[in-house]
Amino acid sequence: MLKRNCVLLGILLLAASLHASAAPAPSEPGLYHGRTVVKSFGDHRVAVAIDDGEGFSHIFRFWTDDSLPTLDASYASAKVEFFGNELRVIVPQAQNVLRFNVGRSQRPYEGPEGFNMTGYSGFGLNHEIRPAGTKRAGGSVTPYSNCEPNCGEPIFEWPDDGVSDCTAGGAGSTSCSVTAYGVGCTASCDLGYYACCKVSLGGVSCSCVRK
């Protein structure tokens, strides 16, 4: 009986390991559906969080030098498209599309017929993937109902702190990615910045640093 229980435990651990390893790579383009939160922090930062319904939460952070309007919305269902340097939030219930793009150039996109479209240009966009329901130390935006009405400010690695010790990326890099502790992130940066991805005891971070 003891041997049988050990075998069953081994199978369960293997299954859990395989499930954990099934997390998509944060740098890969992706299409996600689920409950979505869009929230601005100050005049120059936006966080978009979505639960894909498959065991993972996706947190996108966008930085811009332009002044942003106040964004604070929660959608029961939205489609989020990620292309590395561009993010689209498509909301059928509001007939609205939000576009967040690194740099001033945007790939051709007409959007669904009859939908309003608003675009923002910035110098940085990151994507963090973590197991659903977990929160990052120091603050988090999650798509769960218990985070409303104030989801709390997520960690934004401000890009003006000079030289950084980067696990990946660094001077001359416009993008980077890291994965550790079951969490992965990636960053894409515009000219004038370099991508810096770090792994530390506090977790992972991916951001853009001013050159």
Protein backbone atom coordinates (compact mmCIF):
# COMPACT_ATOMS: atom_id res chain seq x y z
CA MET A 1 0.00 0.00 0.00
CA LEU A 2 2.83 2.38 0.91
CA LYS A 3 4.52 1.69 -2.43
CA ARG A 4 1.27 2.32 -4.28
CA ASN A 5 0.75 5.62 -2.45
CA CYS A 6 4.27 6.69 -3.32
CA VAL A 7 3.64 5.91 -6.98
CA LEU A 8 0.40 7.91 -6.93
CA LEU A 9 2.17 10.81 -5.24
CA GLY A 10 4.88 10.70 -7.88
CA ILE A 11 2.28 10.82 -10.65
CA LEU A 12 0.55 13.80 -9.03
CA LEU A 13 3.83 15.66 -8.65
CA LEU A 14 4.72 14.95 -12.27
CA ALA A 15 1.32 16.20 -13.43
CA ALA A 16 1.73 19.37 -11.39
CA SER A 17 5.18 19.89 -12.83
CA LEU A 18 3.91 19.45 -16.38
CA HIS A 19 1.07 21.88 -15.70
CA ALA A 20 3.48 24.47 -14.35
CA SER A 21 5.77 24.07 -17.33
CA ALA A 22 2.85 24.64 -19.71
CA ALA A 23 2.91 28.39 -19.06
CA PRO A 24 3.24 30.27 -22.38
CA ALA A 25 6.44 32.19 -23.00
CA PRO A 26 5.81 35.87 -22.15
CA SER A 27 7.61 37.14 -25.27
CA GLU A 28 5.48 35.14 -27.70
CA PRO A 29 2.56 36.87 -29.44
CA GLY A 30 -0.68 35.79 -27.84
CA LEU A 31 -4.46 36.08 -27.94
CA TYR A 32 -6.25 36.00 -24.59
CA HIS A 33 -9.91 36.08 -23.56
CA GLY A 34 -11.28 36.75 -20.11
CA ARG A 35 -12.16 39.22 -17.42
CA THR A 36 -9.97 42.29 -17.90
CA VAL A 37 -8.93 45.31 -15.87
CA VAL A 38 -7.50 48.47 -17.50
CA LYS A 39 -6.15 51.03 -15.04
CA SER A 40 -3.88 54.07 -15.34
CA PHE A 41 -1.43 55.12 -12.61
CA GLY A 42 -0.51 58.77 -12.74
CA ASP A 43 -0.23 60.44 -16.14
CA HIS A 44 2.25 58.12 -17.80
CA ARG A 45 1.57 54.50 -16.84
CA VAL A 46 -1.14 51.94 -17.57
CA ALA A 47 -1.65 48.38 -16.39
CA VAL A 48 -3.83 45.83 -18.17
CA ALA A 49 -4.61 42.57 -16.37
CA ILE A 50 -6.45 39.55 -17.72
CA ASP A 51 -7.29 36.09 -16.43
CA ASP A 52 -7.15 33.76 -19.42
CA GLY A 53 -9.25 31.08 -17.73
CA GLU A 54 -6.47 28.53 -18.19
CA GLY A 55 -4.68 28.95 -14.88
CA PHE A 56 -2.61 32.05 -15.67
CA SER A 57 -2.89 35.79 -15.12
CA HIS A 58 -1.36 38.17 -17.63
CA ILE A 59 -0.22 41.62 -16.48
CA PHE A 60 0.78 44.15 -19.14
CA ARG A 61 2.46 47.43 -18.19
CA PHE A 62 2.74 50.39 -20.56
CA TRP A 63 4.91 53.50 -20.15
CA THR A 64 4.65 56.74 -22.13
CA ASP A 65 6.02 60.28 -22.01
CA ASP A 66 2.65 61.59 -23.21
CA SER A 67 -0.03 62.57 -20.72
CA LEU A 68 -2.71 59.91 -20.49
CA PRO A 69 -6.38 60.29 -19.63
CA THR A 70 -7.65 58.50 -16.55
CA LEU A 71 -8.34 54.86 -17.40
CA ASP A 72 -10.18 52.76 -14.83
CA ALA A 73 -12.38 50.03 -16.25
CA SER A 74 -13.24 46.40 -15.60
CA TYR A 75 -14.76 44.22 -18.31
CA ALA A 76 -16.47 40.90 -17.75
CA SER A 77 -15.09 39.68 -21.07
CA ALA A 78 -12.54 41.17 -23.44
CA LYS A 79 -10.09 40.00 -26.06
CA VAL A 80 -6.46 40.99 -25.57
CA GLU A 81 -3.98 40.68 -28.43
CA PHE A 82 -0.25 40.94 -27.71
CA PHE A 83 2.43 41.35 -30.39
CA GLY A 84 5.55 42.12 -28.35
CA ASN A 85 5.60 45.86 -29.05
CA GLU A 86 1.84 46.35 -29.33
CA LEU A 87 -1.16 45.50 -27.17
CA ARG A 88 -4.82 45.64 -28.20
CA VAL A 89 -7.77 45.43 -25.83
CA ILE A 90 -10.96 44.67 -27.76
CA VAL A 91 -14.18 45.06 -25.75
CA PRO A 92 -17.33 43.88 -27.55
CA GLN A 93 -19.69 45.01 -24.76
CA ALA A 94 -18.43 48.60 -25.08
CA GLN A 95 -17.68 48.41 -28.83
CA ASN A 96 -14.28 49.84 -28.08
CA VAL A 97 -10.65 49.06 -28.94
CA LEU A 98 -7.64 50.34 -26.96
CA ARG A 99 -4.21 50.15 -28.61
CA PHE A 100 -0.93 50.54 -26.73
CA ASN A 101 2.08 50.75 -29.03
CA VAL A 102 5.84 51.08 -28.48
CA GLY A 103 7.00 53.90 -30.77
CA ARG A 104 4.96 56.08 -33.08
CA SER A 105 4.48 53.59 -35.91
CA GLN A 106 1.57 51.15 -35.74
CA ARG A 107 0.88 48.05 -37.76
CA PRO A 108 -2.20 48.28 -40.03
CA TYR A 109 -5.38 47.42 -38.16
CA GLU A 110 -8.97 48.40 -38.96
CA GLY A 111 -10.73 46.87 -35.97
CA PRO A 112 -14.25 45.43 -35.84
CA GLU A 113 -16.88 47.34 -37.78
CA GLY A 114 -18.64 49.98 -35.72
CA PHE A 115 -16.08 49.96 -32.88
CA ASN A 116 -14.41 53.10 -31.56
CA MET A 117 -10.63 52.94 -31.48
CA THR A 118 -8.19 54.86 -29.26
CA GLY A 119 -4.43 54.53 -29.62
CA TYR A 120 -1.55 55.42 -27.30
CA SER A 121 2.16 55.56 -28.14
CA GLY A 122 4.84 54.99 -25.54
CA PHE A 123 8.42 53.92 -24.93
CA GLY A 124 7.86 50.64 -23.09
CA LEU A 125 5.54 47.65 -22.86
CA ASN A 126 5.99 44.58 -20.72
CA HIS A 127 4.12 41.32 -20.24
CA GLU A 128 4.20 39.27 -17.06
CA ILE A 129 2.70 35.78 -16.73
CA ARG A 130 2.05 34.24 -13.33
CA PRO A 131 -0.16 31.45 -11.97
CA ALA A 132 -3.72 32.73 -11.51
CA GLY A 133 -4.52 34.02 -8.06
CA THR A 134 -0.97 34.89 -7.03
CA LYS A 135 0.06 38.45 -6.27
CA ARG A 136 3.43 40.09 -6.55
CA ALA A 137 4.96 41.55 -3.40
CA GLY A 138 4.62 45.32 -3.20
CA GLY A 139 1.37 45.66 -5.12
CA SER A 140 -0.57 44.07 -7.90
CA VAL A 141 -3.31 44.51 -10.42
CA THR A 142 -5.33 41.35 -10.86
CA PRO A 143 -8.57 40.66 -12.71
CA TYR A 144 -10.29 39.20 -9.66
CA SER A 145 -13.40 40.73 -8.13
CA ASN A 146 -11.77 41.09 -4.71
CA CYS A 147 -9.37 43.65 -6.19
CA GLU A 148 -12.16 46.12 -6.95
CA PRO A 149 -12.74 48.99 -6.68
CA ASN A 150 -9.04 49.70 -6.03
CA CYS A 151 -6.69 47.07 -7.43
CA GLY A 152 -3.64 48.72 -5.92
CA GLU A 153 -0.65 50.01 -7.85
CA PRO A 154 1.48 47.36 -9.55
CA ILE A 155 5.25 47.48 -9.51
CA PHE A 156 6.49 49.73 -12.30
CA GLU A 157 10.26 49.74 -12.72
CA TRP A 158 10.76 53.43 -13.45
CA PRO A 159 13.08 53.79 -16.46
CA ASP A 160 15.22 56.69 -15.26
CA ASP A 161 17.30 55.05 -12.55
CA GLY A 162 20.48 54.84 -14.61
CA VAL A 163 22.60 51.74 -15.07
CA SER A 164 20.97 48.50 -13.90
CA ASP A 165 22.30 45.02 -13.34
CA CYS A 166 20.31 43.06 -15.91
CA THR A 167 19.97 39.28 -15.97
CA ALA A 168 18.95 39.60 -19.62
CA GLY A 169 18.98 42.53 -22.01
CA GLY A 170 21.10 45.52 -21.05
CA ALA A 171 22.68 48.33 -23.06
CA GLY A 172 21.89 48.01 -26.76
CA SER A 173 18.90 45.68 -26.25
CA THR A 174 15.39 46.69 -27.26
CA SER A 175 13.78 43.57 -25.77
CA CYS A 176 14.47 40.87 -23.19
CA SER A 177 12.76 38.06 -21.27
CA VAL A 178 13.31 36.09 -18.06
CA THR A 179 11.51 33.30 -16.21
CA ALA A 180 11.99 32.22 -12.59
CA TYR A 181 9.93 31.03 -9.62
CA GLY A 182 7.10 30.07 -11.97
CA VAL A 183 6.74 33.66 -13.24
CA GLY A 184 7.96 35.04 -16.56
CA CYS A 185 8.15 38.52 -18.05
CA THR A 186 9.32 40.31 -21.15
CA ALA A 187 9.85 43.95 -22.15
CA SER A 188 9.96 45.84 -25.47
CA CYS A 189 11.45 49.33 -25.55
CA ASP A 190 11.61 52.25 -27.95
CA LEU A 191 14.71 54.09 -29.17
CA GLY A 192 16.39 56.02 -26.39
CA TYR A 193 15.87 53.17 -23.89
CA TYR A 194 17.24 49.70 -23.39
CA ALA A 195 15.42 46.63 -22.12
CA CYS A 196 16.44 45.27 -18.73
CA CYS A 197 15.11 42.00 -17.30
CA LYS A 198 16.08 40.94 -13.78
CA VAL A 199 15.78 37.89 -11.55
CA SER A 200 16.24 38.51 -7.82
CA LEU A 201 15.04 37.16 -4.50
CA GLY A 202 12.05 39.49 -4.86
CA GLY A 203 10.98 37.87 -8.13
CA VAL A 204 11.31 38.92 -11.75
CA SER A 205 11.02 42.33 -13.38
CA CYS A 206 11.18 43.55 -16.97
CA SER A 207 11.38 47.23 -17.80
CA CYS A 208 12.92 49.95 -19.99
CA VAL A 209 15.89 52.03 -18.82
CA ARG A 210 16.71 55.44 -20.25
CA LYS A 211 20.05 55.42 -22.06
